[in-house]
PDBML (XML) file of the C-alpha atoms, coordinates in Angstrom:
<?xml version="1.0" encoding="UTF-8" ?>
<PDBx:datablock datablockName="MODEL"
   xmlns:PDBx="http://pdbml.pdb.org/schema/pdbx-v50.xsd"
   xmlns:xsi="http://www.w3.org/2001/XMLSchema-instance"
   xsi:schemaLocation="http://pdbml.pdb.org/schema/pdbx-v50.xsd pdbx-v50.xsd">
   <PDBx:atom_siteCategory>
      <PDBx:atom_site id="1">
         <PDBx:B_iso_or_equiv>0.00</PDBx:B_iso_or_equiv>
         <PDBx:Cartn_x>146.608</PDBx:Cartn_x>
         <PDBx:Cartn_y>-162.784</PDBx:Cartn_y>
         <PDBx:Cartn_z>-18.472</PDBx:Cartn_z>
         <PDBx:auth_asym_id>A</PDBx:auth_asym_id>
         <PDBx:auth_atom_id>CA</PDBx:auth_atom_id>
         <PDBx:auth_comp_id>UNK</PDBx:auth_comp_id>
         <PDBx:auth_seq_id>1</PDBx:auth_seq_id>
         <PDBx:group_PDB>ATOM</PDBx:group_PDB>
         <PDBx:label_alt_id xsi:nil="true" />
         <PDBx:label_asym_id>A</PDBx:label_asym_id>
         <PDBx:label_atom_id>CA</PDBx:label_atom_id>
         <PDBx:label_comp_id>UNK</PDBx:label_comp_id>
         <PDBx:label_entity_id>1</PDBx:label_entity_id>
         <PDBx:label_seq_id>1</PDBx:label_seq_id>
         <PDBx:occupancy>1.00</PDBx:occupancy>
         <PDBx:pdbx_PDB_model_num>1</PDBx:pdbx_PDB_model_num>
         <PDBx:type_symbol>C</PDBx:type_symbol>
      </PDBx:atom_site>
      <PDBx:atom_site id="2">
         <PDBx:B_iso_or_equiv>0.00</PDBx:B_iso_or_equiv>
         <PDBx:Cartn_x>149.730</PDBx:Cartn_x>
         <PDBx:Cartn_y>-161.548</PDBx:Cartn_y>
         <PDBx:Cartn_z>-19.181</PDBx:Cartn_z>
         <PDBx:auth_asym_id>A</PDBx:auth_asym_id>
         <PDBx:auth_atom_id>CA</PDBx:auth_atom_id>
         <PDBx:auth_comp_id>UNK</PDBx:auth_comp_id>
         <PDBx:auth_seq_id>2</PDBx:auth_seq_id>
         <PDBx:group_PDB>ATOM</PDBx:group_PDB>
         <PDBx:label_alt_id xsi:nil="true" />
         <PDBx:label_asym_id>A</PDBx:label_asym_id>
         <PDBx:label_atom_id>CA</PDBx:label_atom_id>
         <PDBx:label_comp_id>UNK</PDBx:label_comp_id>
         <PDBx:label_entity_id>1</PDBx:label_entity_id>
         <PDBx:label_seq_id>2</PDBx:label_seq_id>
         <PDBx:occupancy>1.00</PDBx:occupancy>
         <PDBx:pdbx_PDB_model_num>1</PDBx:pdbx_PDB_model_num>
         <PDBx:type_symbol>C</PDBx:type_symbol>
      </PDBx:atom_site>
      <PDBx:atom_site id="3">
         <PDBx:B_iso_or_equiv>0.00</PDBx:B_iso_or_equiv>
         <PDBx:Cartn_x>148.143</PDBx:Cartn_x>
         <PDBx:Cartn_y>-160.582</PDBx:Cartn_y>
         <PDBx:Cartn_z>-23.092</PDBx:Cartn_z>
         <PDBx:auth_asym_id>A</PDBx:auth_asym_id>
         <PDBx:auth_atom_id>CA</PDBx:auth_atom_id>
         <PDBx:auth_comp_id>UNK</PDBx:auth_comp_id>
         <PDBx:auth_seq_id>3</PDBx:auth_seq_id>
         <PDBx:group_PDB>ATOM</PDBx:group_PDB>
         <PDBx:label_alt_id xsi:nil="true" />
         <PDBx:label_asym_id>A</PDBx:label_asym_id>
         <PDBx:label_atom_id>CA</PDBx:label_atom_id>
         <PDBx:label_comp_id>UNK</PDBx:label_comp_id>
         <PDBx:label_entity_id>1</PDBx:label_entity_id>
         <PDBx:label_seq_id>3</PDBx:label_seq_id>
         <PDBx:occupancy>1.00</PDBx:occupancy>
         <PDBx:pdbx_PDB_model_num>1</PDBx:pdbx_PDB_model_num>
         <PDBx:type_symbol>C</PDBx:type_symbol>
      </PDBx:atom_site>
      <PDBx:atom_site id="4">
         <PDBx:B_iso_or_equiv>0.00</PDBx:B_iso_or_equiv>
         <PDBx:Cartn_x>149.652</PDBx:Cartn_x>
         <PDBx:Cartn_y>-157.191</PDBx:Cartn_y>
         <PDBx:Cartn_z>-23.513</PDBx:Cartn_z>
         <PDBx:auth_asym_id>A</PDBx:auth_asym_id>
         <PDBx:auth_atom_id>CA</PDBx:auth_atom_id>
         <PDBx:auth_comp_id>UNK</PDBx:auth_comp_id>
         <PDBx:auth_seq_id>4</PDBx:auth_seq_id>
         <PDBx:group_PDB>ATOM</PDBx:group_PDB>
         <PDBx:label_alt_id xsi:nil="true" />
         <PDBx:label_asym_id>A</PDBx:label_asym_id>
         <PDBx:label_atom_id>CA</PDBx:label_atom_id>
         <PDBx:label_comp_id>UNK</PDBx:label_comp_id>
         <PDBx:label_entity_id>1</PDBx:label_entity_id>
         <PDBx:label_seq_id>4</PDBx:label_seq_id>
         <PDBx:occupancy>1.00</PDBx:occupancy>
         <PDBx:pdbx_PDB_model_num>1</PDBx:pdbx_PDB_model_num>
         <PDBx:type_symbol>C</PDBx:type_symbol>
      </PDBx:atom_site>
      <PDBx:atom_site id="5">
         <PDBx:B_iso_or_equiv>0.00</PDBx:B_iso_or_equiv>
         <PDBx:Cartn_x>149.620</PDBx:Cartn_x>
         <PDBx:Cartn_y>-156.983</PDBx:Cartn_y>
         <PDBx:Cartn_z>-27.081</PDBx:Cartn_z>
         <PDBx:auth_asym_id>A</PDBx:auth_asym_id>
         <PDBx:auth_atom_id>CA</PDBx:auth_atom_id>
         <PDBx:auth_comp_id>UNK</PDBx:auth_comp_id>
         <PDBx:auth_seq_id>5</PDBx:auth_seq_id>
         <PDBx:group_PDB>ATOM</PDBx:group_PDB>
         <PDBx:label_alt_id xsi:nil="true" />
         <PDBx:label_asym_id>A</PDBx:label_asym_id>
         <PDBx:label_atom_id>CA</PDBx:label_atom_id>
         <PDBx:label_comp_id>UNK</PDBx:label_comp_id>
         <PDBx:label_entity_id>1</PDBx:label_entity_id>
         <PDBx:label_seq_id>5</PDBx:label_seq_id>
         <PDBx:occupancy>1.00</PDBx:occupancy>
         <PDBx:pdbx_PDB_model_num>1</PDBx:pdbx_PDB_model_num>
         <PDBx:type_symbol>C</PDBx:type_symbol>
      </PDBx:atom_site>
      <PDBx:atom_site id="6">
         <PDBx:B_iso_or_equiv>0.00</PDBx:B_iso_or_equiv>
         <PDBx:Cartn_x>146.089</PDBx:Cartn_x>
         <PDBx:Cartn_y>-157.787</PDBx:Cartn_y>
         <PDBx:Cartn_z>-27.239</PDBx:Cartn_z>
         <PDBx:auth_asym_id>A</PDBx:auth_asym_id>
         <PDBx:auth_atom_id>CA</PDBx:auth_atom_id>
         <PDBx:auth_comp_id>UNK</PDBx:auth_comp_id>
         <PDBx:auth_seq_id>6</PDBx:auth_seq_id>
         <PDBx:group_PDB>ATOM</PDBx:group_PDB>
         <PDBx:label_alt_id xsi:nil="true" />
         <PDBx:label_asym_id>A</PDBx:label_asym_id>
         <PDBx:label_atom_id>CA</PDBx:label_atom_id>
         <PDBx:label_comp_id>UNK</PDBx:label_comp_id>
         <PDBx:label_entity_id>1</PDBx:label_entity_id>
         <PDBx:label_seq_id>6</PDBx:label_seq_id>
         <PDBx:occupancy>1.00</PDBx:occupancy>
         <PDBx:pdbx_PDB_model_num>1</PDBx:pdbx_PDB_model_num>
         <PDBx:type_symbol>C</PDBx:type_symbol>
      </PDBx:atom_site>
      <PDBx:atom_site id="7">
         <PDBx:B_iso_or_equiv>0.00</PDBx:B_iso_or_equiv>
         <PDBx:Cartn_x>145.685</PDBx:Cartn_x>
         <PDBx:Cartn_y>-155.065</PDBx:Cartn_y>
         <PDBx:Cartn_z>-24.258</PDBx:Cartn_z>
         <PDBx:auth_asym_id>A</PDBx:auth_asym_id>
         <PDBx:auth_atom_id>CA</PDBx:auth_atom_id>
         <PDBx:auth_comp_id>UNK</PDBx:auth_comp_id>
         <PDBx:auth_seq_id>7</PDBx:auth_seq_id>
         <PDBx:group_PDB>ATOM</PDBx:group_PDB>
         <PDBx:label_alt_id xsi:nil="true" />
         <PDBx:label_asym_id>A</PDBx:label_asym_id>
         <PDBx:label_atom_id>CA</PDBx:label_atom_id>
         <PDBx:label_comp_id>UNK</PDBx:label_comp_id>
         <PDBx:label_entity_id>1</PDBx:label_entity_id>
         <PDBx:label_seq_id>7</PDBx:label_seq_id>
         <PDBx:occupancy>1.00</PDBx:occupancy>
         <PDBx:pdbx_PDB_model_num>1</PDBx:pdbx_PDB_model_num>
         <PDBx:type_symbol>C</PDBx:type_symbol>
      </PDBx:atom_site>
      <PDBx:atom_site id="8">
         <PDBx:B_iso_or_equiv>0.00</PDBx:B_iso_or_equiv>
         <PDBx:Cartn_x>147.609</PDBx:Cartn_x>
         <PDBx:Cartn_y>-151.823</PDBx:Cartn_y>
         <PDBx:Cartn_z>-26.108</PDBx:Cartn_z>
         <PDBx:auth_asym_id>A</PDBx:auth_asym_id>
         <PDBx:auth_atom_id>CA</PDBx:auth_atom_id>
         <PDBx:auth_comp_id>UNK</PDBx:auth_comp_id>
         <PDBx:auth_seq_id>8</PDBx:auth_seq_id>
         <PDBx:group_PDB>ATOM</PDBx:group_PDB>
         <PDBx:label_alt_id xsi:nil="true" />
         <PDBx:label_asym_id>A</PDBx:label_asym_id>
         <PDBx:label_atom_id>CA</PDBx:label_atom_id>
         <PDBx:label_comp_id>UNK</PDBx:label_comp_id>
         <PDBx:label_entity_id>1</PDBx:label_entity_id>
         <PDBx:label_seq_id>8</PDBx:label_seq_id>
         <PDBx:occupancy>1.00</PDBx:occupancy>
         <PDBx:pdbx_PDB_model_num>1</PDBx:pdbx_PDB_model_num>
         <PDBx:type_symbol>C</PDBx:type_symbol>
      </PDBx:atom_site>
      <PDBx:atom_site id="9">
         <PDBx:B_iso_or_equiv>0.00</PDBx:B_iso_or_equiv>
         <PDBx:Cartn_x>145.559</PDBx:Cartn_x>
         <PDBx:Cartn_y>-153.475</PDBx:Cartn_y>
         <PDBx:Cartn_z>-29.390</PDBx:Cartn_z>
         <PDBx:auth_asym_id>A</PDBx:auth_asym_id>
         <PDBx:auth_atom_id>CA</PDBx:auth_atom_id>
         <PDBx:auth_comp_id>UNK</PDBx:auth_comp_id>
         <PDBx:auth_seq_id>9</PDBx:auth_seq_id>
         <PDBx:group_PDB>ATOM</PDBx:group_PDB>
         <PDBx:label_alt_id xsi:nil="true" />
         <PDBx:label_asym_id>A</PDBx:label_asym_id>
         <PDBx:label_atom_id>CA</PDBx:label_atom_id>
         <PDBx:label_comp_id>UNK</PDBx:label_comp_id>
         <PDBx:label_entity_id>1</PDBx:label_entity_id>
         <PDBx:label_seq_id>9</PDBx:label_seq_id>
         <PDBx:occupancy>1.00</PDBx:occupancy>
         <PDBx:pdbx_PDB_model_num>1</PDBx:pdbx_PDB_model_num>
         <PDBx:type_symbol>C</PDBx:type_symbol>
      </PDBx:atom_site>
      <PDBx:atom_site id="10">
         <PDBx:B_iso_or_equiv>0.00</PDBx:B_iso_or_equiv>
         <PDBx:Cartn_x>142.437</PDBx:Cartn_x>
         <PDBx:Cartn_y>-152.831</PDBx:Cartn_y>
         <PDBx:Cartn_z>-27.887</PDBx:Cartn_z>
         <PDBx:auth_asym_id>A</PDBx:auth_asym_id>
         <PDBx:auth_atom_id>CA</PDBx:auth_atom_id>
         <PDBx:auth_comp_id>UNK</PDBx:auth_comp_id>
         <PDBx:auth_seq_id>10</PDBx:auth_seq_id>
         <PDBx:group_PDB>ATOM</PDBx:group_PDB>
         <PDBx:label_alt_id xsi:nil="true" />
         <PDBx:label_asym_id>A</PDBx:label_asym_id>
         <PDBx:label_atom_id>CA</PDBx:label_atom_id>
         <PDBx:label_comp_id>UNK</PDBx:label_comp_id>
         <PDBx:label_entity_id>1</PDBx:label_entity_id>
         <PDBx:label_seq_id>10</PDBx:label_seq_id>
         <PDBx:occupancy>1.00</PDBx:occupancy>
         <PDBx:pdbx_PDB_model_num>1</PDBx:pdbx_PDB_model_num>
         <PDBx:type_symbol>C</PDBx:type_symbol>
      </PDBx:atom_site>
      <PDBx:atom_site id="11">
         <PDBx:B_iso_or_equiv>0.00</PDBx:B_iso_or_equiv>
         <PDBx:Cartn_x>143.650</PDBx:Cartn_x>
         <PDBx:Cartn_y>-149.714</PDBx:Cartn_y>
         <PDBx:Cartn_z>-26.687</PDBx:Cartn_z>
         <PDBx:auth_asym_id>A</PDBx:auth_asym_id>
         <PDBx:auth_atom_id>CA</PDBx:auth_atom_id>
         <PDBx:auth_comp_id>UNK</PDBx:auth_comp_id>
         <PDBx:auth_seq_id>11</PDBx:auth_seq_id>
         <PDBx:group_PDB>ATOM</PDBx:group_PDB>
         <PDBx:label_alt_id xsi:nil="true" />
         <PDBx:label_asym_id>A</PDBx:label_asym_id>
         <PDBx:label_atom_id>CA</PDBx:label_atom_id>
         <PDBx:label_comp_id>UNK</PDBx:label_comp_id>
         <PDBx:label_entity_id>1</PDBx:label_entity_id>
         <PDBx:label_seq_id>11</PDBx:label_seq_id>
         <PDBx:occupancy>1.00</PDBx:occupancy>
         <PDBx:pdbx_PDB_model_num>1</PDBx:pdbx_PDB_model_num>
         <PDBx:type_symbol>C</PDBx:type_symbol>
      </PDBx:atom_site>
      <PDBx:atom_site id="12">
         <PDBx:B_iso_or_equiv>0.00</PDBx:B_iso_or_equiv>
         <PDBx:Cartn_x>144.321</PDBx:Cartn_x>
         <PDBx:Cartn_y>-147.852</PDBx:Cartn_y>
         <PDBx:Cartn_z>-29.835</PDBx:Cartn_z>
         <PDBx:auth_asym_id>A</PDBx:auth_asym_id>
         <PDBx:auth_atom_id>CA</PDBx:auth_atom_id>
         <PDBx:auth_comp_id>UNK</PDBx:auth_comp_id>
         <PDBx:auth_seq_id>12</PDBx:auth_seq_id>
         <PDBx:group_PDB>ATOM</PDBx:group_PDB>
         <PDBx:label_alt_id xsi:nil="true" />
         <PDBx:label_asym_id>A</PDBx:label_asym_id>
         <PDBx:label_atom_id>CA</PDBx:label_atom_id>
         <PDBx:label_comp_id>UNK</PDBx:label_comp_id>
         <PDBx:label_entity_id>1</PDBx:label_entity_id>
         <PDBx:label_seq_id>12</PDBx:label_seq_id>
         <PDBx:occupancy>1.00</PDBx:occupancy>
         <PDBx:pdbx_PDB_model_num>1</PDBx:pdbx_PDB_model_num>
         <PDBx:type_symbol>C</PDBx:type_symbol>
      </PDBx:atom_site>
      <PDBx:atom_site id="13">
         <PDBx:B_iso_or_equiv>0.00</PDBx:B_iso_or_equiv>
         <PDBx:Cartn_x>142.565</PDBx:Cartn_x>
         <PDBx:Cartn_y>-149.670</PDBx:Cartn_y>
         <PDBx:Cartn_z>-31.835</PDBx:Cartn_z>
         <PDBx:auth_asym_id>A</PDBx:auth_asym_id>
         <PDBx:auth_atom_id>CA</PDBx:auth_atom_id>
         <PDBx:auth_comp_id>UNK</PDBx:auth_comp_id>
         <PDBx:auth_seq_id>13</PDBx:auth_seq_id>
         <PDBx:group_PDB>ATOM</PDBx:group_PDB>
         <PDBx:label_alt_id xsi:nil="true" />
         <PDBx:label_asym_id>A</PDBx:label_asym_id>
         <PDBx:label_atom_id>CA</PDBx:label_atom_id>
         <PDBx:label_comp_id>UNK</PDBx:label_comp_id>
         <PDBx:label_entity_id>1</PDBx:label_entity_id>
         <PDBx:label_seq_id>13</PDBx:label_seq_id>
         <PDBx:occupancy>1.00</PDBx:occupancy>
         <PDBx:pdbx_PDB_model_num>1</PDBx:pdbx_PDB_model_num>
         <PDBx:type_symbol>C</PDBx:type_symbol>
      </PDBx:atom_site>
      <PDBx:atom_site id="14">
         <PDBx:B_iso_or_equiv>0.00</PDBx:B_iso_or_equiv>
         <PDBx:Cartn_x>138.858</PDBx:Cartn_x>
         <PDBx:Cartn_y>-149.705</PDBx:Cartn_y>
         <PDBx:Cartn_z>-30.480</PDBx:Cartn_z>
         <PDBx:auth_asym_id>A</PDBx:auth_asym_id>
         <PDBx:auth_atom_id>CA</PDBx:auth_atom_id>
         <PDBx:auth_comp_id>UNK</PDBx:auth_comp_id>
         <PDBx:auth_seq_id>14</PDBx:auth_seq_id>
         <PDBx:group_PDB>ATOM</PDBx:group_PDB>
         <PDBx:label_alt_id xsi:nil="true" />
         <PDBx:label_asym_id>A</PDBx:label_asym_id>
         <PDBx:label_atom_id>CA</PDBx:label_atom_id>
         <PDBx:label_comp_id>UNK</PDBx:label_comp_id>
         <PDBx:label_entity_id>1</PDBx:label_entity_id>
         <PDBx:label_seq_id>14</PDBx:label_seq_id>
         <PDBx:occupancy>1.00</PDBx:occupancy>
         <PDBx:pdbx_PDB_model_num>1</PDBx:pdbx_PDB_model_num>
         <PDBx:type_symbol>C</PDBx:type_symbol>
      </PDBx:atom_site>
      <PDBx:atom_site id="15">
         <PDBx:B_iso_or_equiv>0.00</PDBx:B_iso_or_equiv>
         <PDBx:Cartn_x>139.573</PDBx:Cartn_x>
         <PDBx:Cartn_y>-146.732</PDBx:Cartn_y>
         <PDBx:Cartn_z>-27.364</PDBx:Cartn_z>
         <PDBx:auth_asym_id>A</PDBx:auth_asym_id>
         <PDBx:auth_atom_id>CA</PDBx:auth_atom_id>
         <PDBx:auth_comp_id>UNK</PDBx:auth_comp_id>
         <PDBx:auth_seq_id>15</PDBx:auth_seq_id>
         <PDBx:group_PDB>ATOM</PDBx:group_PDB>
         <PDBx:label_alt_id xsi:nil="true" />
         <PDBx:label_asym_id>A</PDBx:label_asym_id>
         <PDBx:label_atom_id>CA</PDBx:label_atom_id>
         <PDBx:label_comp_id>UNK</PDBx:label_comp_id>
         <PDBx:label_entity_id>1</PDBx:label_entity_id>
         <PDBx:label_seq_id>15</PDBx:label_seq_id>
         <PDBx:occupancy>1.00</PDBx:occupancy>
         <PDBx:pdbx_PDB_model_num>1</PDBx:pdbx_PDB_model_num>
         <PDBx:type_symbol>C</PDBx:type_symbol>
      </PDBx:atom_site>
      <PDBx:atom_site id="16">
         <PDBx:B_iso_or_equiv>0.00</PDBx:B_iso_or_equiv>
         <PDBx:Cartn_x>141.837</PDBx:Cartn_x>
         <PDBx:Cartn_y>-144.317</PDBx:Cartn_y>
         <PDBx:Cartn_z>-29.784</PDBx:Cartn_z>
         <PDBx:auth_asym_id>A</PDBx:auth_asym_id>
         <PDBx:auth_atom_id>CA</PDBx:auth_atom_id>
         <PDBx:auth_comp_id>UNK</PDBx:auth_comp_id>
         <PDBx:auth_seq_id>16</PDBx:auth_seq_id>
         <PDBx:group_PDB>ATOM</PDBx:group_PDB>
         <PDBx:label_alt_id xsi:nil="true" />
         <PDBx:label_asym_id>A</PDBx:label_asym_id>
         <PDBx:label_atom_id>CA</PDBx:label_atom_id>
         <PDBx:label_comp_id>UNK</PDBx:label_comp_id>
         <PDBx:label_entity_id>1</PDBx:label_entity_id>
         <PDBx:label_seq_id>16</PDBx:label_seq_id>
         <PDBx:occupancy>1.00</PDBx:occupancy>
         <PDBx:pdbx_PDB_model_num>1</PDBx:pdbx_PDB_model_num>
         <PDBx:type_symbol>C</PDBx:type_symbol>
      </PDBx:atom_site>
      <PDBx:atom_site id="17">
         <PDBx:B_iso_or_equiv>0.00</PDBx:B_iso_or_equiv>
         <PDBx:Cartn_x>139.935</PDBx:Cartn_x>
         <PDBx:Cartn_y>-144.902</PDBx:Cartn_y>
         <PDBx:Cartn_z>-33.262</PDBx:Cartn_z>
         <PDBx:auth_asym_id>A</PDBx:auth_asym_id>
         <PDBx:auth_atom_id>CA</PDBx:auth_atom_id>
         <PDBx:auth_comp_id>UNK</PDBx:auth_comp_id>
         <PDBx:auth_seq_id>17</PDBx:auth_seq_id>
         <PDBx:group_PDB>ATOM</PDBx:group_PDB>
         <PDBx:label_alt_id xsi:nil="true" />
         <PDBx:label_asym_id>A</PDBx:label_asym_id>
         <PDBx:label_atom_id>CA</PDBx:label_atom_id>
         <PDBx:label_comp_id>UNK</PDBx:label_comp_id>
         <PDBx:label_entity_id>1</PDBx:label_entity_id>
         <PDBx:label_seq_id>17</PDBx:label_seq_id>
         <PDBx:occupancy>1.00</PDBx:occupancy>
         <PDBx:pdbx_PDB_model_num>1</PDBx:pdbx_PDB_model_num>
         <PDBx:type_symbol>C</PDBx:type_symbol>
      </PDBx:atom_site>
      <PDBx:atom_site id="18">
         <PDBx:B_iso_or_equiv>0.00</PDBx:B_iso_or_equiv>
         <PDBx:Cartn_x>136.522</PDBx:Cartn_x>
         <PDBx:Cartn_y>-146.947</PDBx:Cartn_y>
         <PDBx:Cartn_z>-33.080</PDBx:Cartn_z>
         <PDBx:auth_asym_id>A</PDBx:auth_asym_id>
         <PDBx:auth_atom_id>CA</PDBx:auth_atom_id>
         <PDBx:auth_comp_id>UNK</PDBx:auth_comp_id>
         <PDBx:auth_seq_id>18</PDBx:auth_seq_id>
         <PDBx:group_PDB>ATOM</PDBx:group_PDB>
         <PDBx:label_alt_id xsi:nil="true" />
         <PDBx:label_asym_id>A</PDBx:label_asym_id>
         <PDBx:label_atom_id>CA</PDBx:label_atom_id>
         <PDBx:label_comp_id>UNK</PDBx:label_comp_id>
         <PDBx:label_entity_id>1</PDBx:label_entity_id>
         <PDBx:label_seq_id>18</PDBx:label_seq_id>
         <PDBx:occupancy>1.00</PDBx:occupancy>
         <PDBx:pdbx_PDB_model_num>1</PDBx:pdbx_PDB_model_num>
         <PDBx:type_symbol>C</PDBx:type_symbol>
      </PDBx:atom_site>
      <PDBx:atom_site id="19">
         <PDBx:B_iso_or_equiv>0.00</PDBx:B_iso_or_equiv>
         <PDBx:Cartn_x>134.761</PDBx:Cartn_x>
         <PDBx:Cartn_y>-144.957</PDBx:Cartn_y>
         <PDBx:Cartn_z>-30.160</PDBx:Cartn_z>
         <PDBx:auth_asym_id>A</PDBx:auth_asym_id>
         <PDBx:auth_atom_id>CA</PDBx:auth_atom_id>
         <PDBx:auth_comp_id>UNK</PDBx:auth_comp_id>
         <PDBx:auth_seq_id>19</PDBx:auth_seq_id>
         <PDBx:group_PDB>ATOM</PDBx:group_PDB>
         <PDBx:label_alt_id xsi:nil="true" />
         <PDBx:label_asym_id>A</PDBx:label_asym_id>
         <PDBx:label_atom_id>CA</PDBx:label_atom_id>
         <PDBx:label_comp_id>UNK</PDBx:label_comp_id>
         <PDBx:label_entity_id>1</PDBx:label_entity_id>
         <PDBx:label_seq_id>19</PDBx:label_seq_id>
         <PDBx:occupancy>1.00</PDBx:occupancy>
         <PDBx:pdbx_PDB_model_num>1</PDBx:pdbx_PDB_model_num>
         <PDBx:type_symbol>C</PDBx:type_symbol>
      </PDBx:atom_site>
      <PDBx:atom_site id="20">
         <PDBx:B_iso_or_equiv>0.00</PDBx:B_iso_or_equiv>
         <PDBx:Cartn_x>136.491</PDBx:Cartn_x>
         <PDBx:Cartn_y>-141.094</PDBx:Cartn_y>
         <PDBx:Cartn_z>-30.710</PDBx:Cartn_z>
         <PDBx:auth_asym_id>A</PDBx:auth_asym_id>
         <PDBx:auth_atom_id>CA</PDBx:auth_atom_id>
         <PDBx:auth_comp_id>UNK</PDBx:auth_comp_id>
         <PDBx:auth_seq_id>20</PDBx:auth_seq_id>
         <PDBx:group_PDB>ATOM</PDBx:group_PDB>
         <PDBx:label_alt_id xsi:nil="true" />
         <PDBx:label_asym_id>A</PDBx:label_asym_id>
         <PDBx:label_atom_id>CA</PDBx:label_atom_id>
         <PDBx:label_comp_id>UNK</PDBx:label_comp_id>
         <PDBx:label_entity_id>1</PDBx:label_entity_id>
         <PDBx:label_seq_id>20</PDBx:label_seq_id>
         <PDBx:occupancy>1.00</PDBx:occupancy>
         <PDBx:pdbx_PDB_model_num>1</PDBx:pdbx_PDB_model_num>
         <PDBx:type_symbol>C</PDBx:type_symbol>
      </PDBx:atom_site>
      <PDBx:atom_site id="21">
         <PDBx:B_iso_or_equiv>0.00</PDBx:B_iso_or_equiv>
         <PDBx:Cartn_x>134.634</PDBx:Cartn_x>
         <PDBx:Cartn_y>-142.217</PDBx:Cartn_y>
         <PDBx:Cartn_z>-34.256</PDBx:Cartn_z>
         <PDBx:auth_asym_id>A</PDBx:auth_asym_id>
         <PDBx:auth_atom_id>CA</PDBx:auth_atom_id>
         <PDBx:auth_comp_id>UNK</PDBx:auth_comp_id>
         <PDBx:auth_seq_id>21</PDBx:auth_seq_id>
         <PDBx:group_PDB>ATOM</PDBx:group_PDB>
         <PDBx:label_alt_id xsi:nil="true" />
         <PDBx:label_asym_id>A</PDBx:label_asym_id>
         <PDBx:label_atom_id>CA</PDBx:label_atom_id>
         <PDBx:label_comp_id>UNK</PDBx:label_comp_id>
         <PDBx:label_entity_id>1</PDBx:label_entity_id>
         <PDBx:label_seq_id>21</PDBx:label_seq_id>
         <PDBx:occupancy>1.00</PDBx:occupancy>
         <PDBx:pdbx_PDB_model_num>1</PDBx:pdbx_PDB_model_num>
         <PDBx:type_symbol>C</PDBx:type_symbol>
      </PDBx:atom_site>
      <PDBx:atom_site id="22">
         <PDBx:B_iso_or_equiv>0.00</PDBx:B_iso_or_equiv>
         <PDBx:Cartn_x>131.727</PDBx:Cartn_x>
         <PDBx:Cartn_y>-143.253</PDBx:Cartn_y>
         <PDBx:Cartn_z>-32.586</PDBx:Cartn_z>
         <PDBx:auth_asym_id>A</PDBx:auth_asym_id>
         <PDBx:auth_atom_id>CA</PDBx:auth_atom_id>
         <PDBx:auth_comp_id>UNK</PDBx:auth_comp_id>
         <PDBx:auth_seq_id>22</PDBx:auth_seq_id>
         <PDBx:group_PDB>ATOM</PDBx:group_PDB>
         <PDBx:label_alt_id xsi:nil="true" />
         <PDBx:label_asym_id>A</PDBx:label_asym_id>
         <PDBx:label_atom_id>CA</PDBx:label_atom_id>
         <PDBx:label_comp_id>UNK</PDBx:label_comp_id>
         <PDBx:label_entity_id>1</PDBx:label_entity_id>
         <PDBx:label_seq_id>22</PDBx:label_seq_id>
         <PDBx:occupancy>1.00</PDBx:occupancy>
         <PDBx:pdbx_PDB_model_num>1</PDBx:pdbx_PDB_model_num>
         <PDBx:type_symbol>C</PDBx:type_symbol>
      </PDBx:atom_site>
      <PDBx:atom_site id="23">
         <PDBx:B_iso_or_equiv>0.00</PDBx:B_iso_or_equiv>
         <PDBx:Cartn_x>131.299</PDBx:Cartn_x>
         <PDBx:Cartn_y>-140.187</PDBx:Cartn_y>
         <PDBx:Cartn_z>-29.752</PDBx:Cartn_z>
         <PDBx:auth_asym_id>A</PDBx:auth_asym_id>
         <PDBx:auth_atom_id>CA</PDBx:auth_atom_id>
         <PDBx:auth_comp_id>UNK</PDBx:auth_comp_id>
         <PDBx:auth_seq_id>23</PDBx:auth_seq_id>
         <PDBx:group_PDB>ATOM</PDBx:group_PDB>
         <PDBx:label_alt_id xsi:nil="true" />
         <PDBx:label_asym_id>A</PDBx:label_asym_id>
         <PDBx:label_atom_id>CA</PDBx:label_atom_id>
         <PDBx:label_comp_id>UNK</PDBx:label_comp_id>
         <PDBx:label_entity_id>1</PDBx:label_entity_id>
         <PDBx:label_seq_id>23</PDBx:label_seq_id>
         <PDBx:occupancy>1.00</PDBx:occupancy>
         <PDBx:pdbx_PDB_model_num>1</PDBx:pdbx_PDB_model_num>
         <PDBx:type_symbol>C</PDBx:type_symbol>
      </PDBx:atom_site>
      <PDBx:atom_site id="24">
         <PDBx:B_iso_or_equiv>0.00</PDBx:B_iso_or_equiv>
         <PDBx:Cartn_x>131.876</PDBx:Cartn_x>
         <PDBx:Cartn_y>-138.025</PDBx:Cartn_y>
         <PDBx:Cartn_z>-32.865</PDBx:Cartn_z>
         <PDBx:auth_asym_id>A</PDBx:auth_asym_id>
         <PDBx:auth_atom_id>CA</PDBx:auth_atom_id>
         <PDBx:auth_comp_id>UNK</PDBx:auth_comp_id>
         <PDBx:auth_seq_id>24</PDBx:auth_seq_id>
         <PDBx:group_PDB>ATOM</PDBx:group_PDB>
         <PDBx:label_alt_id xsi:nil="true" />
         <PDBx:label_asym_id>A</PDBx:label_asym_id>
         <PDBx:label_atom_id>CA</PDBx:label_atom_id>
         <PDBx:label_comp_id>UNK</PDBx:label_comp_id>
         <PDBx:label_entity_id>1</PDBx:label_entity_id>
         <PDBx:label_seq_id>24</PDBx:label_seq_id>
         <PDBx:occupancy>1.00</PDBx:occupancy>
         <PDBx:pdbx_PDB_model_num>1</PDBx:pdbx_PDB_model_num>
         <PDBx:type_symbol>C</PDBx:type_symbol>
      </PDBx:atom_site>
   </PDBx:atom_siteCategory>
</PDBx:datablock>
């Protein structure tokens, strides 16, 4: 959808931080 900022924010914030915390 050409929303690169939202895509990288989703990866960095949720996958990189929140989900790592959930997994821990």
